[in-house]
PDB file of N, CA and C in Angstrom:
ATOM      1  N   MET A   1      12.686  56.943  71.161  1.00  0.00           N
ATOM      2  CA  MET A   1      13.995  57.702  70.366  1.00  0.00           C
ATOM      3  C   MET A   1      14.011  59.203  69.319  1.00  0.00           C
ATOM      4  N   ASN A   2      14.432  59.854  70.289  1.00  0.00           N
ATOM      5  CA  ASN A   2      14.308  60.967  69.266  1.00  0.00           C
ATOM      6  C   ASN A   2      16.230  61.193  68.864  1.00  0.00           C
ATOM      7  N   PRO A   3      15.907  61.334  67.902  1.00  0.00           N
ATOM      8  CA  PRO A   3      17.326  61.468  66.616  1.00  0.00           C
ATOM      9  C   PRO A   3      18.320  62.938  67.544  1.00  0.00           C
ATOM     10  N   GLY A   4      17.669  63.691  67.866  1.00  0.00           N
ATOM     11  CA  GLY A   4      18.340  64.908  68.328  1.00  0.00           C
ATOM     12  C   GLY A   4      18.139  66.042  67.006  1.00  0.00           C
ATOM     13  N   PRO A   5      18.481  67.165  67.947  1.00  0.00           N
ATOM     14  CA  PRO A   5      17.990  68.473  67.250  1.00  0.00           C
ATOM     15  C   PRO A   5      18.766  68.632  65.348  1.00  0.00           C
ATOM     16  N   TYR A   6      19.437  67.503  65.542  1.00  0.00           N
ATOM     17  CA  TYR A   6      20.764  68.106  64.376  1.00  0.00           C
ATOM     18  C   TYR A   6      20.693  66.616  63.367  1.00  0.00           C
ATOM     19  N   SER A   7      19.319  65.760  63.459  1.00  0.00           N
ATOM     20  CA  SER A   7      19.375  65.473  62.608  1.00  0.00           C
ATOM     21  C   SER A   7      18.624  65.437  61.372  1.00  0.00           C
ATOM     22  N   ASP A   8      17.865  65.845  60.756  1.00  0.00           N
ATOM     23  CA  ASP A   8      17.567  66.827  59.200  1.00  0.00           C
ATOM     24  C   ASP A   8      18.416  67.824  58.895  1.00  0.00           C
ATOM     25  N   GLN A   9      19.645  68.056  59.458  1.00  0.00           N
ATOM     26  CA  GLN A   9      20.502  69.198  59.064  1.00  0.00           C
ATOM     27  C   GLN A   9      21.841  69.113  58.556  1.00  0.00           C
ATOM     28  N   TYR A  10      21.966  67.002  58.267  1.00  0.00           N
ATOM     29  CA  TYR A  10      23.080  66.752  58.657  1.00  0.00           C
ATOM     30  C   TYR A  10      22.851  65.528  57.321  1.00  0.00           C
ATOM     31  N   PRO A  11      23.585  65.373  56.524  1.00  0.00           N
ATOM     32  CA  PRO A  11      23.564  63.356  55.380  1.00  0.00           C
ATOM     33  C   PRO A  11      23.282  62.811  56.353  1.00  0.00           C
ATOM     34  N   ASP A  12      22.578  61.787  55.330  1.00  0.00           N
ATOM     35  CA  ASP A  12      22.327  60.292  56.138  1.00  0.00           C
ATOM     36  C   ASP A  12      23.872  59.467  56.571  1.00  0.00           C
ATOM     37  N   GLU A  13      24.587  60.150  56.426  1.00  0.00           N
ATOM     38  CA  GLU A  13      25.999  59.455  56.247  1.00  0.00           C
ATOM     39  C   GLU A  13      26.396  59.805  57.741  1.00  0.00           C
ATOM     40  N   TYR A  14      26.208  60.541  58.204  1.00  0.00           N
ATOM     41  CA  TYR A  14      26.600  61.307  59.818  1.00  0.00           C
ATOM     42  C   TYR A  14      25.566  60.669  60.511  1.00  0.00           C
ATOM     43  N   SER A  15      24.608  60.065  60.338  1.00  0.00           N
ATOM     44  CA  SER A  15      23.713  59.545  61.167  1.00  0.00           C
ATOM     45  C   SER A  15      24.130  58.512  61.896  1.00  0.00           C
ATOM     46  N   PRO A  16      23.647  57.926  63.274  1.00  0.00           N
ATOM     47  CA  PRO A  16      24.348  56.925  64.232  1.00  0.00           C
ATOM     48  C   PRO A  16      24.362  55.912  63.123  1.00  0.00           C
ATOM     49  N   GLN A  17      22.568  55.843  62.844  1.00  0.00           N
ATOM     50  CA  GLN A  17      22.582  54.590  62.227  1.00  0.00           C
ATOM     51  C   GLN A  17      24.044  53.983  61.723  1.00  0.00           C
ATOM     52  N   ASN A  18      24.268  54.953  60.659  1.00  0.00           N
ATOM     53  CA  ASN A  18      25.058  54.597  59.793  1.00  0.00           C
ATOM     54  C   ASN A  18      26.861  54.948  59.783  1.00  0.00           C
ATOM     55  N   SER A  19      27.031  55.211  61.092  1.00  0.00           N
ATOM     56  CA  SER A  19      27.994  56.058  61.847  1.00  0.00           C
ATOM     57  C   SER A  19      28.876  54.642  61.590  1.00  0.00           C
ATOM     58  N   PRO A  20      30.369  55.019  60.830  1.00  0.00           N
ATOM     59  CA  PRO A  20      31.075  54.027  61.287  1.00  0.00           C
ATOM     60  C   PRO A  20      31.538  54.092  62.973  1.00  0.00           C
ATOM     61  N   TYR A  21      30.753  54.576  63.742  1.00  0.00           N
ATOM     62  CA  TYR A  21      31.558  54.442  65.003  1.00  0.00           C
ATOM     63  C   TYR A  21      30.298  53.380  65.534  1.00  0.00           C
ATOM     64  N   SER A  22      29.139  53.445  65.089  1.00  0.00           N
ATOM     65  CA  SER A  22      28.244  52.778  66.002  1.00  0.00           C
ATOM     66  C   SER A  22      28.029  51.558  66.885  1.00  0.00           C
ATOM     67  N   ALA A  23      27.497  51.385  67.339  1.00  0.00           N
ATOM     68  CA  ALA A  23      27.351  50.032  68.332  1.00  0.00           C
ATOM     69  C   ALA A  23      27.047  49.009  68.012  1.00  0.00           C
ATOM     70  N   SER A  24      26.645  48.705  67.095  1.00  0.00           N
ATOM     71  CA  SER A  24      26.260  47.287  66.005  1.00  0.00           C
ATOM     72  C   SER A  24      27.540  46.916  66.214  1.00  0.00           C
ATOM     73  N   SER A  25      27.133  45.143  66.539  1.00  0.00           N
ATOM     74  CA  SER A  25      28.632  44.805  67.042  1.00  0.00           C
ATOM     75  C   SER A  25      28.576  42.854  66.095  1.00  0.00           C
ATOM     76  N   GLY A  26      27.030  42.802  65.026  1.00  0.00           N
ATOM     77  CA  GLY A  26      26.952  41.748  64.582  1.00  0.00           C
ATOM     78  C   GLY A  26      27.258  41.220  63.902  1.00  0.00           C
ATOM     79  N   SER A  27      27.665  40.201  63.341  1.00  0.00           N
ATOM     80  CA  SER A  27      28.728  39.038  63.021  1.00  0.00           C
ATOM     81  C   SER A  27      28.709  39.890  61.349  1.00  0.00           C
ATOM     82  N   SER A  28      28.733  40.820  60.475  1.00  0.00           N
ATOM     83  CA  SER A  28      28.778  41.096  59.337  1.00  0.00           C
ATOM     84  C   SER A  28      29.774  40.624  58.344  1.00  0.00           C
ATOM     85  N   GLY A  29      31.071  40.601  59.533  1.00  0.00           N
ATOM     86  CA  GLY A  29      32.367  40.393  58.826  1.00  0.00           C
ATOM     87  C   GLY A  29      32.648  41.366  58.544  1.00  0.00           C
ATOM     88  N   SER A  30      32.984  43.022  59.296  1.00  0.00           N
ATOM     89  CA  SER A  30      33.456  43.918  58.520  1.00  0.00           C
ATOM     90  C   SER A  30      33.447  44.588  59.943  1.00  0.00           C
ATOM     91  N   SER A  31      34.821  45.251  60.632  1.00  0.00           N
ATOM     92  CA  SER A  31      34.828  45.955  61.489  1.00  0.00           C
ATOM     93  C   SER A  31      34.868  47.159  61.022  1.00  0.00           C
ATOM     94  N   ALA A  32      34.565  47.799  60.149  1.00  0.00           N
ATOM     95  CA  ALA A  32      33.578  49.246  59.853  1.00  0.00           C
ATOM     96  C   ALA A  32      32.977  49.276  60.678  1.00  0.00           C
ATOM     97  N   SER A  33      31.669  48.182  61.248  1.00  0.00           N
ATOM     98  CA  SER A  33      30.766  48.752  62.148  1.00  0.00           C
ATOM     99  C   SER A  33      30.946  48.563  63.401  1.00  0.00           C
ATOM    100  N   SER A  34      31.916  48.253  63.496  1.00  0.00           N
ATOM    101  CA  SER A  34      31.887  48.625  65.643  1.00  0.00           C
ATOM    102  C   SER A  34      33.204  49.455  65.735  1.00  0.00           C
ATOM    103  N   ALA A  35      33.190  50.111  66.942  1.00  0.00           N
ATOM    104  CA  ALA A  35      33.569  50.970  67.283  1.00  0.00           C
ATOM    105  C   ALA A  35      35.299  51.043  67.027  1.00  0.00           C
ATOM    106  N   PRO A  36      36.047  52.096  66.398  1.00  0.00           N
ATOM    107  CA  PRO A  36      37.593  51.365  66.586  1.00  0.00           C
ATOM    108  C   PRO A  36      37.998  51.832  67.530  1.00  0.00           C
ATOM    109  N   SER A  37      39.167  51.303  67.610  1.00  0.00           N
ATOM    110  CA  SER A  37      40.530  51.135  69.119  1.00  0.00           C
ATOM    111  C   SER A  37      41.265  52.266  68.776  1.00  0.00           C
ATOM    112  N   ALA A  38      41.689  52.405  69.885  1.00  0.00           N
ATOM    113  CA  ALA A  38      42.759  53.830  70.369  1.00  0.00           C
ATOM    114  C   ALA A  38      43.801  53.970  70.013  1.00  0.00           C
ATOM    115  N   GLY A  39      44.006  53.076  69.017  1.00  0.00           N
ATOM    116  CA  GLY A  39      45.643  53.148  68.401  1.00  0.00           C
ATOM    117  C   GLY A  39      45.766  53.483  66.953  1.00  0.00           C
ATOM    118  N   GLY A  40      45.459  54.953  66.548  1.00  0.00           N
ATOM    119  CA  GLY A  40      45.542  55.030  65.520  1.00  0.00           C
ATOM    120  C   GLY A  40      45.068  55.495  64.650  1.00  0.00           C
ATOM    121  N   ALA A  41      43.231  55.194  65.697  1.00  0.00           N
ATOM    122  CA  ALA A  41      41.639  55.509  64.839  1.00  0.00           C
ATOM    123  C   ALA A  41      41.518  56.654  64.420  1.00  0.00           C
ATOM    124  N   ASN A  42      42.063  57.636  65.344  1.00  0.00           N
ATOM    125  CA  ASN A  42      41.983  59.165  64.828  1.00  0.00           C
ATOM    126  C   ASN A  42      43.106  59.846  64.179  1.00  0.00           C
ATOM    127  N   GLU A  43      43.655  59.305  63.543  1.00  0.00           N
ATOM    128  CA  GLU A  43      44.079  60.202  62.708  1.00  0.00           C
ATOM    129  C   GLU A  43      44.404  60.700  61.810  1.00  0.00           C
ATOM    130  N   ASP A  44      43.416  60.156  60.775  1.00  0.00           N
ATOM    131  CA  ASP A  44      42.769  60.477  60.209  1.00  0.00           C
ATOM    132  C   ASP A  44      41.887  62.640  60.345  1.00  0.00           C
ATOM    133  N   VAL A  45      41.684  62.270  61.091  1.00  0.00           N
ATOM    134  CA  VAL A  45      40.937  63.871  62.002  1.00  0.00           C
ATOM    135  C   VAL A  45      41.436  64.673  61.451  1.00  0.00           C
ATOM    136  N   ALA A  46      43.346  64.545  61.393  1.00  0.00           N
ATOM    137  CA  ALA A  46      43.702  66.036  61.108  1.00  0.00           C
ATOM    138  C   ALA A  46      43.882  66.928  59.830  1.00  0.00           C
ATOM    139  N   SER A  47      43.592  65.366  58.673  1.00  0.00           N
ATOM    140  CA  SER A  47      43.018  66.074  57.890  1.00  0.00           C
ATOM    141  C   SER A  47      41.982  66.491  56.873  1.00  0.00           C
ATOM    142  N   LEU A  48      40.610  66.265  58.248  1.00  0.00           N
ATOM    143  CA  LEU A  48      39.166  67.007  57.915  1.00  0.00           C
ATOM    144  C   LEU A  48      39.033  68.071  58.173  1.00  0.00           C
ATOM    145  N   SER A  49      38.212  68.493  57.055  1.00  0.00           N
ATOM    146  CA  SER A  49      37.999  69.901  56.600  1.00  0.00           C
ATOM    147  C   SER A  49      37.424  70.811  58.433  1.00  0.00           C
ATOM    148  N   TYR A  50      37.014  71.725  58.437  1.00  0.00           N
ATOM    149  CA  TYR A  50      36.067  72.406  59.767  1.00  0.00           C
ATOM    150  C   TYR A  50      34.885  71.916  59.672  1.00  0.00           C
ATOM    151  N   GLU A  51      34.002  71.857  58.384  1.00  0.00           N
ATOM    152  CA  GLU A  51      32.903  70.926  58.129  1.00  0.00           C
ATOM    153  C   GLU A  51      32.013  69.906  58.543  1.00  0.00           C
ATOM    154  N   ARG A  52      33.683  68.794  57.823  1.00  0.00           N
ATOM    155  CA  ARG A  52      33.415  67.455  58.330  1.00  0.00           C
ATOM    156  C   ARG A  52      33.866  67.194  59.621  1.00  0.00           C
ATOM    157  N   ALA A  53      34.798  67.688  60.118  1.00  0.00           N
ATOM    158  CA  ALA A  53      35.034  67.291  61.311  1.00  0.00           C
ATOM    159  C   ALA A  53      33.796  68.038  62.763  1.00  0.00           C
ATOM    160  N   ARG A  54      33.145  68.570  62.349  1.00  0.00           N
ATOM    161  CA  ARG A  54      32.078  68.935  62.714  1.00  0.00           C
ATOM    162  C   ARG A  54      30.611  68.320  62.698  1.00  0.00           C
ATOM    163  N   GLU A  55      30.210  67.582  61.617  1.00  0.00           N
ATOM    164  CA  GLU A  55      29.746  67.522  61.398  1.00  0.00           C
ATOM    165  C   GLU A  55      29.729  66.128  61.932  1.00  0.00           C
ATOM    166  N   GLU A  56      31.060  65.210  61.806  1.00  0.00           N
ATOM    167  CA  GLU A  56      30.979  63.800  62.832  1.00  0.00           C
ATOM    168  C   GLU A  56      31.381  63.796  64.422  1.00  0.00           C
ATOM    169  N   LEU A  57      31.194  65.282  64.904  1.00  0.00           N
ATOM    170  CA  LEU A  57      31.506  65.346  65.875  1.00  0.00           C
ATOM    171  C   LEU A  57      29.879  65.685  66.386  1.00  0.00           C
ATOM    172  N   VAL A  58      28.492  65.858  65.613  1.00  0.00           N
ATOM    173  CA  VAL A  58      27.579  66.189  66.134  1.00  0.00           C
ATOM    174  C   VAL A  58      27.179  64.697  66.237  1.00  0.00           C
ATOM    175  N   ALA A  59      27.523  63.913  65.176  1.00  0.00           N
ATOM    176  CA  ALA A  59      27.026  62.531  65.063  1.00  0.00           C
ATOM    177  C   ALA A  59      27.797  61.858  66.577  1.00  0.00           C
ATOM    178  N   VAL A  60      28.617  61.520  66.621  1.00  0.00           N
ATOM    179  CA  VAL A  60      29.102  60.923  68.087  1.00  0.00           C
ATOM    180  C   VAL A  60      28.560  61.806  69.512  1.00  0.00           C
ATOM    181  N   VAL A  61      28.558  63.158  69.352  1.00  0.00           N
ATOM    182  CA  VAL A  61      27.608  63.498  70.175  1.00  0.00           C
ATOM    183  C   VAL A  61      26.824  62.642  70.515  1.00  0.00           C
ATOM    184  N   GLN A  62      25.731  62.517  69.421  1.00  0.00           N
ATOM    185  CA  GLN A  62      24.147  62.250  69.326  1.00  0.00           C
ATOM    186  C   GLN A  62      24.412  60.801  69.874  1.00  0.00           C
ATOM    187  N   ARG A  63      25.528  59.531  69.241  1.00  0.00           N
ATOM    188  CA  ARG A  63      25.375  58.704  69.787  1.00  0.00           C
ATOM    189  C   ARG A  63      25.485  58.451  71.288  1.00  0.00           C
ATOM    190  N   LEU A  64      26.546  59.371  71.537  1.00  0.00           N
ATOM    191  CA  LEU A  64      26.727  59.060  72.982  1.00  0.00           C
ATOM    192  C   LEU A  64      25.545  59.615  74.415  1.00  0.00           C
ATOM    193  N   GLU A  65      25.180  60.920  73.632  1.00  0.00           N
ATOM    194  CA  GLU A  65      23.414  61.067  74.352  1.00  0.00           C
ATOM    195  C   GLU A  65      22.466  60.398  74.188  1.00  0.00           C
ATOM    196  N   ALA A  66      22.460  59.404  73.741  1.00  0.00           N
ATOM    197  CA  ALA A  66      21.407  58.288  73.215  1.00  0.00           C
ATOM    198  C   ALA A  66      21.494  57.465  74.567  1.00  0.00           C
ATOM    199  N   GLY A  67      22.905  57.463  75.488  1.00  0.00           N
ATOM    200  CA  GLY A  67      23.025  56.252  75.679  1.00  0.00           C
ATOM    201  C   GLY A  67      23.506  54.659  75.937  1.00  0.00           C
ATOM    202  N   SER A  68      22.930  54.196  74.415  1.00  0.00           N
ATOM    203  CA  SER A  68      22.765  52.926  73.913  1.00  0.00           C
ATOM    204  C   SER A  68      24.067  52.117  73.563  1.00  0.00           C
ATOM    205  N   VAL A  69      25.057  52.852  73.677  1.00  0.00           N
ATOM    206  CA  VAL A  69      26.416  52.463  73.129  1.00  0.00           C
ATOM    207  C   VAL A  69      26.885  51.218  74.556  1.00  0.00           C
ATOM    208  N   PRO A  70      27.539  50.462  73.974  1.00  0.00           N
ATOM    209  CA  PRO A  70      28.707  49.617  75.335  1.00  0.00           C
ATOM    210  C   PRO A  70      29.996  50.343  75.833  1.00  0.00           C
ATOM    211  N   LEU A  71      30.339  50.172  76.495  1.00  0.00           N
ATOM    212  CA  LEU A  71      31.221  50.873  77.569  1.00  0.00           C
ATOM    213  C   LEU A  71      32.464  51.558  76.682  1.00  0.00           C
ATOM    214  N   GLU A  72      33.180  50.152  75.882  1.00  0.00           N
ATOM    215  CA  GLU A  72      34.277  50.267  75.045  1.00  0.00           C
ATOM    216  C   GLU A  72      33.789  51.401  73.949  1.00  0.00           C
ATOM    217  N   ASP A  73      32.413  50.882  72.906  1.00  0.00           N
ATOM    218  CA  ASP A  73      32.266  51.665  71.892  1.00  0.00           C
ATOM    219  C   ASP A  73      31.939  53.590  73.119  1.00  0.00           C
ATOM    220  N   SER A  74      31.942  53.258  74.283  1.00  0.00           N
ATOM    221  CA  SER A  74      31.206  54.807  74.377  1.00  0.00           C
ATOM    222  C   SER A  74      33.223  55.620  74.456  1.00  0.00           C
ATOM    223  N   LEU A  75      34.049  54.584  74.989  1.00  0.00           N
ATOM    224  CA  LEU A  75      35.270  55.334  75.306  1.00  0.00           C
ATOM    225  C   LEU A  75      36.102  55.875  73.681  1.00  0.00           C
ATOM    226  N   ALA A  76      35.685  54.928  72.571  1.00  0.00           N
ATOM    227  CA  ALA A  76      36.579  54.791  71.330  1.00  0.00           C
ATOM    228  C   ALA A  76      36.175  56.477  71.132  1.00  0.00           C
ATOM    229  N   LEU A  77      34.195  56.430  71.058  1.00  0.00           N
ATOM    230  CA  LEU A  77      33.438  57.711  70.667  1.00  0.00           C
ATOM    231  C   LEU A  77      33.740  58.727  71.507  1.00  0.00           C
ATOM    232  N   TRP A  78      33.986  58.987  72.766  1.00  0.00           N
ATOM    233  CA  TRP A  78      34.591  59.980  73.285  1.00  0.00           C
ATOM    234  C   TRP A  78      35.866  60.530  72.999  1.00  0.00           C
ATOM    235  N   GLU A  79      36.560  59.618  72.747  1.00  0.00           N
ATOM    236  CA  GLU A  79      38.493  59.657  72.071  1.00  0.00           C
ATOM    237  C   GLU A  79      38.561  60.314  70.987  1.00  0.00           C
ATOM    238  N   ARG A  80      37.288  60.164  70.151  1.00  0.00           N
ATOM    239  CA  ARG A  80      37.244  60.089  68.102  1.00  0.00           C
ATOM    240  C   ARG A  80      36.626  61.998  68.561  1.00  0.00           C
ATOM    241  N   GLY A  81      35.248  61.843  69.263  1.00  0.00           N
ATOM    242  CA  GLY A  81      35.166  63.144  69.829  1.00  0.00           C
ATOM    243  C   GLY A  81      36.058  64.366  70.193  1.00  0.00           C
ATOM    244  N   GLU A  82      36.854  63.956  70.965  1.00  0.00           N
ATOM    245  CA  GLU A  82      37.529  64.662  71.131  1.00  0.00           C
ATOM    246  C   GLU A  82      38.756  65.074  70.428  1.00  0.00           C
ATOM    247  N   ALA A  83      39.050  64.143  69.688  1.00  0.00           N
ATOM    248  CA  ALA A  83      39.946  64.633  68.546  1.00  0.00           C
ATOM    249  C   ALA A  83      39.580  65.461  67.320  1.00  0.00           C
ATOM    250  N   LEU A  84      38.059  65.273  67.155  1.00  0.00           N
ATOM    251  CA  LEU A  84      37.405  66.128  66.271  1.00  0.00           C
ATOM    252  C   LEU A  84      37.121  67.409  66.659  1.00  0.00           C
ATOM    253  N   ALA A  85      36.598  67.520  68.166  1.00  0.00           N
ATOM    254  CA  ALA A  85      36.726  69.107  68.758  1.00  0.00           C
ATOM    255  C   ALA A  85      37.892  69.604  68.915  1.00  0.00           C
ATOM    256  N   GLN A  86      39.004  69.097  68.938  1.00  0.00           N
ATOM    257  CA  GLN A  86      40.504  69.474  69.174  1.00  0.00           C
ATOM    258  C   GLN A  86      40.671  69.920  67.395  1.00  0.00           C
ATOM    259  N   ARG A  87      40.307  69.530  66.671  1.00  0.00           N
ATOM    260  CA  ARG A  87      40.485  69.708  65.244  1.00  0.00           C
ATOM    261  C   ARG A  87      39.506  70.970  65.160  1.00  0.00           C
ATOM    262  N   CYS A  88      38.700  71.020  65.358  1.00  0.00           N
ATOM    263  CA  CYS A  88      37.521  72.435  64.798  1.00  0.00           C
ATOM    264  C   CYS A  88      38.227  73.242  65.717  1.00  0.00           C
ATOM    265  N   GLN A  89      39.125  73.091  66.835  1.00  0.00           N
ATOM    266  CA  GLN A  89      39.544  74.702  67.815  1.00  0.00           C
ATOM    267  C   GLN A  89      40.473  74.505  66.837  1.00  0.00           C
ATOM    268  N   THR A  90      41.714  73.644  66.145  1.00  0.00           N
ATOM    269  CA  THR A  90      42.335  74.691  65.249  1.00  0.00           C
ATOM    270  C   THR A  90      42.029  75.209  63.903  1.00  0.00           C
ATOM    271  N   TRP A  91      40.896  74.575  63.680  1.00  0.00           N
ATOM    272  CA  TRP A  91      40.259  75.580  62.506  1.00  0.00           C
ATOM    273  C   TRP A  91      40.192  76.982  62.776  1.00  0.00           C
ATOM    274  N   LEU A  92      39.168  76.449  63.880  1.00  0.00           N
ATOM    275  CA  LEU A  92      38.788  78.321  64.422  1.00  0.00           C
ATOM    276  C   LEU A  92      40.472  79.049  64.432  1.00  0.00           C
ATOM    277  N   ASP A  93      40.953  78.329  65.417  1.00  0.00           N
ATOM    278  CA  ASP A  93      42.090  78.966  65.922  1.00  0.00           C
ATOM    279  C   ASP A  93      43.003  79.874  64.864  1.00  0.00           C
ATOM    280  N   GLU A  94      43.360  79.128  64.277  1.00  0.00           N
ATOM    281  CA  GLU A  94      43.738  79.259  62.661  1.00  0.00           C
ATOM    282  C   GLU A  94      43.158  80.258  61.478  1.00  0.00           C
ATOM    283  N   ALA A  95      41.952  80.308  61.688  1.00  0.00           N
ATOM    284  CA  ALA A  95      41.259  81.269  61.520  1.00  0.00           C
ATOM    285  C   ALA A  95      41.157  82.651  61.689  1.00  0.00           C
ATOM    286  N   ARG A  96      41.366  82.584  62.952  1.00  0.00           N
ATOM    287  CA  ARG A  96      41.439  83.810  64.562  1.00  0.00           C
ATOM    288  C   ARG A  96      42.551  84.884  63.546  1.00  0.00           C
ATOM    289  N   SER A  97      43.752  83.345  63.697  1.00  0.00           N
ATOM    290  CA  SER A  97      45.687  84.542  63.307  1.00  0.00           C
ATOM    291  C   SER A  97      45.284  84.824  61.943  1.00  0.00           C
ATOM    292  N   ARG A  98      44.661  84.140  61.216  1.00  0.00           N
ATOM    293  CA  ARG A  98      44.789  84.905  59.912  1.00  0.00           C
ATOM    294  C   ARG A  98      43.718  86.042  59.897  1.00  0.00           C
ATOM    295  N   LEU A  99      42.108  86.531  60.379  1.00  0.00           N
ATOM    296  CA  LEU A  99      41.600  87.257  59.795  1.00  0.00           C
ATOM    297  C   LEU A  99      42.776  88.418  61.063  1.00  0.00           C
ATOM    298  N   ALA A 100      43.445  88.337  62.640  1.00  0.00           N
ATOM    299  CA  ALA A 100      43.935  89.065  63.060  1.00  0.00           C
ATOM    300  C   ALA A 100      45.039  89.877  61.572  1.00  0.00           C
ATOM    301  N   ALA A 101      45.886  88.957  61.432  1.00  0.00           N
ATOM    302  CA  ALA A 101      46.761  89.349  60.336  1.00  0.00           C
ATOM    303  C   ALA A 101      46.425  90.683  59.522  1.00  0.00           C
ATOM    304  N   VAL A 102      45.009  89.990  58.565  1.00  0.00           N
ATOM    305  CA  VAL A 102      45.022  90.629  57.582  1.00  0.00           C
ATOM    306  C   VAL A 102      44.748  92.014  58.352  1.00  0.00           C
ATOM    307  N   ALA A 103      44.011  92.190  60.018  1.00  0.00           N
ATOM    308  CA  ALA A 103      43.235  93.496  60.312  1.00  0.00           C
ATOM    309  C   ALA A 103      45.114  94.677  60.335  1.00  0.00           C
ATOM    310  N   GLN A 104      45.464  93.598  61.297  1.00  0.00           N
ATOM    311  CA  GLN A 104      47.095  94.294  61.389  1.00  0.00           C
ATOM    312  C   GLN A 104      47.793  94.943  59.930  1.00  0.00           C
ATOM    313  N   GLU A 105      47.619  94.312  58.793  1.00  0.00           N
ATOM    314  CA  GLU A 105      48.159  94.620  57.732  1.00  0.00           C
ATOM    315  C   GLU A 105      46.915  96.296  56.988  1.00  0.00           C
ATOM    316  N   ASP A 106      45.758  96.412  57.530  1.00  0.00           N
ATOM    317  CA  ASP A 106      44.390  96.972  56.656  1.00  0.00           C
ATOM    318  C   ASP A 106      45.450  98.291  58.413  1.00  0.00           C
ATOM    319  N   SER A 107      45.367  98.089  59.373  1.00  0.00           N
ATOM    320  CA  SER A 107      45.682  99.147  60.486  1.00  0.00           C
ATOM    321  C   SER A 107      46.982 100.246  59.611  1.00  0.00           C
ATOM    322  N   ALA A 108      47.761  98.759  59.162  1.00  0.00           N
ATOM    323  CA  ALA A 108      49.068  99.534  59.290  1.00  0.00           C
ATOM    324  C   ALA A 108      48.680 100.385  57.747  1.00  0.00           C
ATOM    325  N   ASP A 109      48.167  99.871  57.004  1.00  0.00           N
ATOM    326  CA  ASP A 109      48.225 100.754  55.585  1.00  0.00           C
ATOM    327  C   ASP A 109      47.502 102.775  55.579  1.00  0.00           C
TER     328      ASP A 109
END
């Protein structure tokens, strides 16, 4: 069970064992330990910072690469990963646009 190359770079809250998207489906009574359903489960992604979205994306990828997640949970993780990747891309696109605007202002002066 290799924890992956990023395991020592991120806080424990992003580790697969502590992820709210873990495959644990025990009878703990809490729905936080099972993967979210597709209906609106990723709405919070839009409010995440780039760093937070990237860290969570790394944790999601690690869970999927481990291959020990049931199919239904894998699909939910995949959807979460897609939403997180899109959020990161949006942040990068916006940063690129802001830098280009600043560069245009500087060249106009």
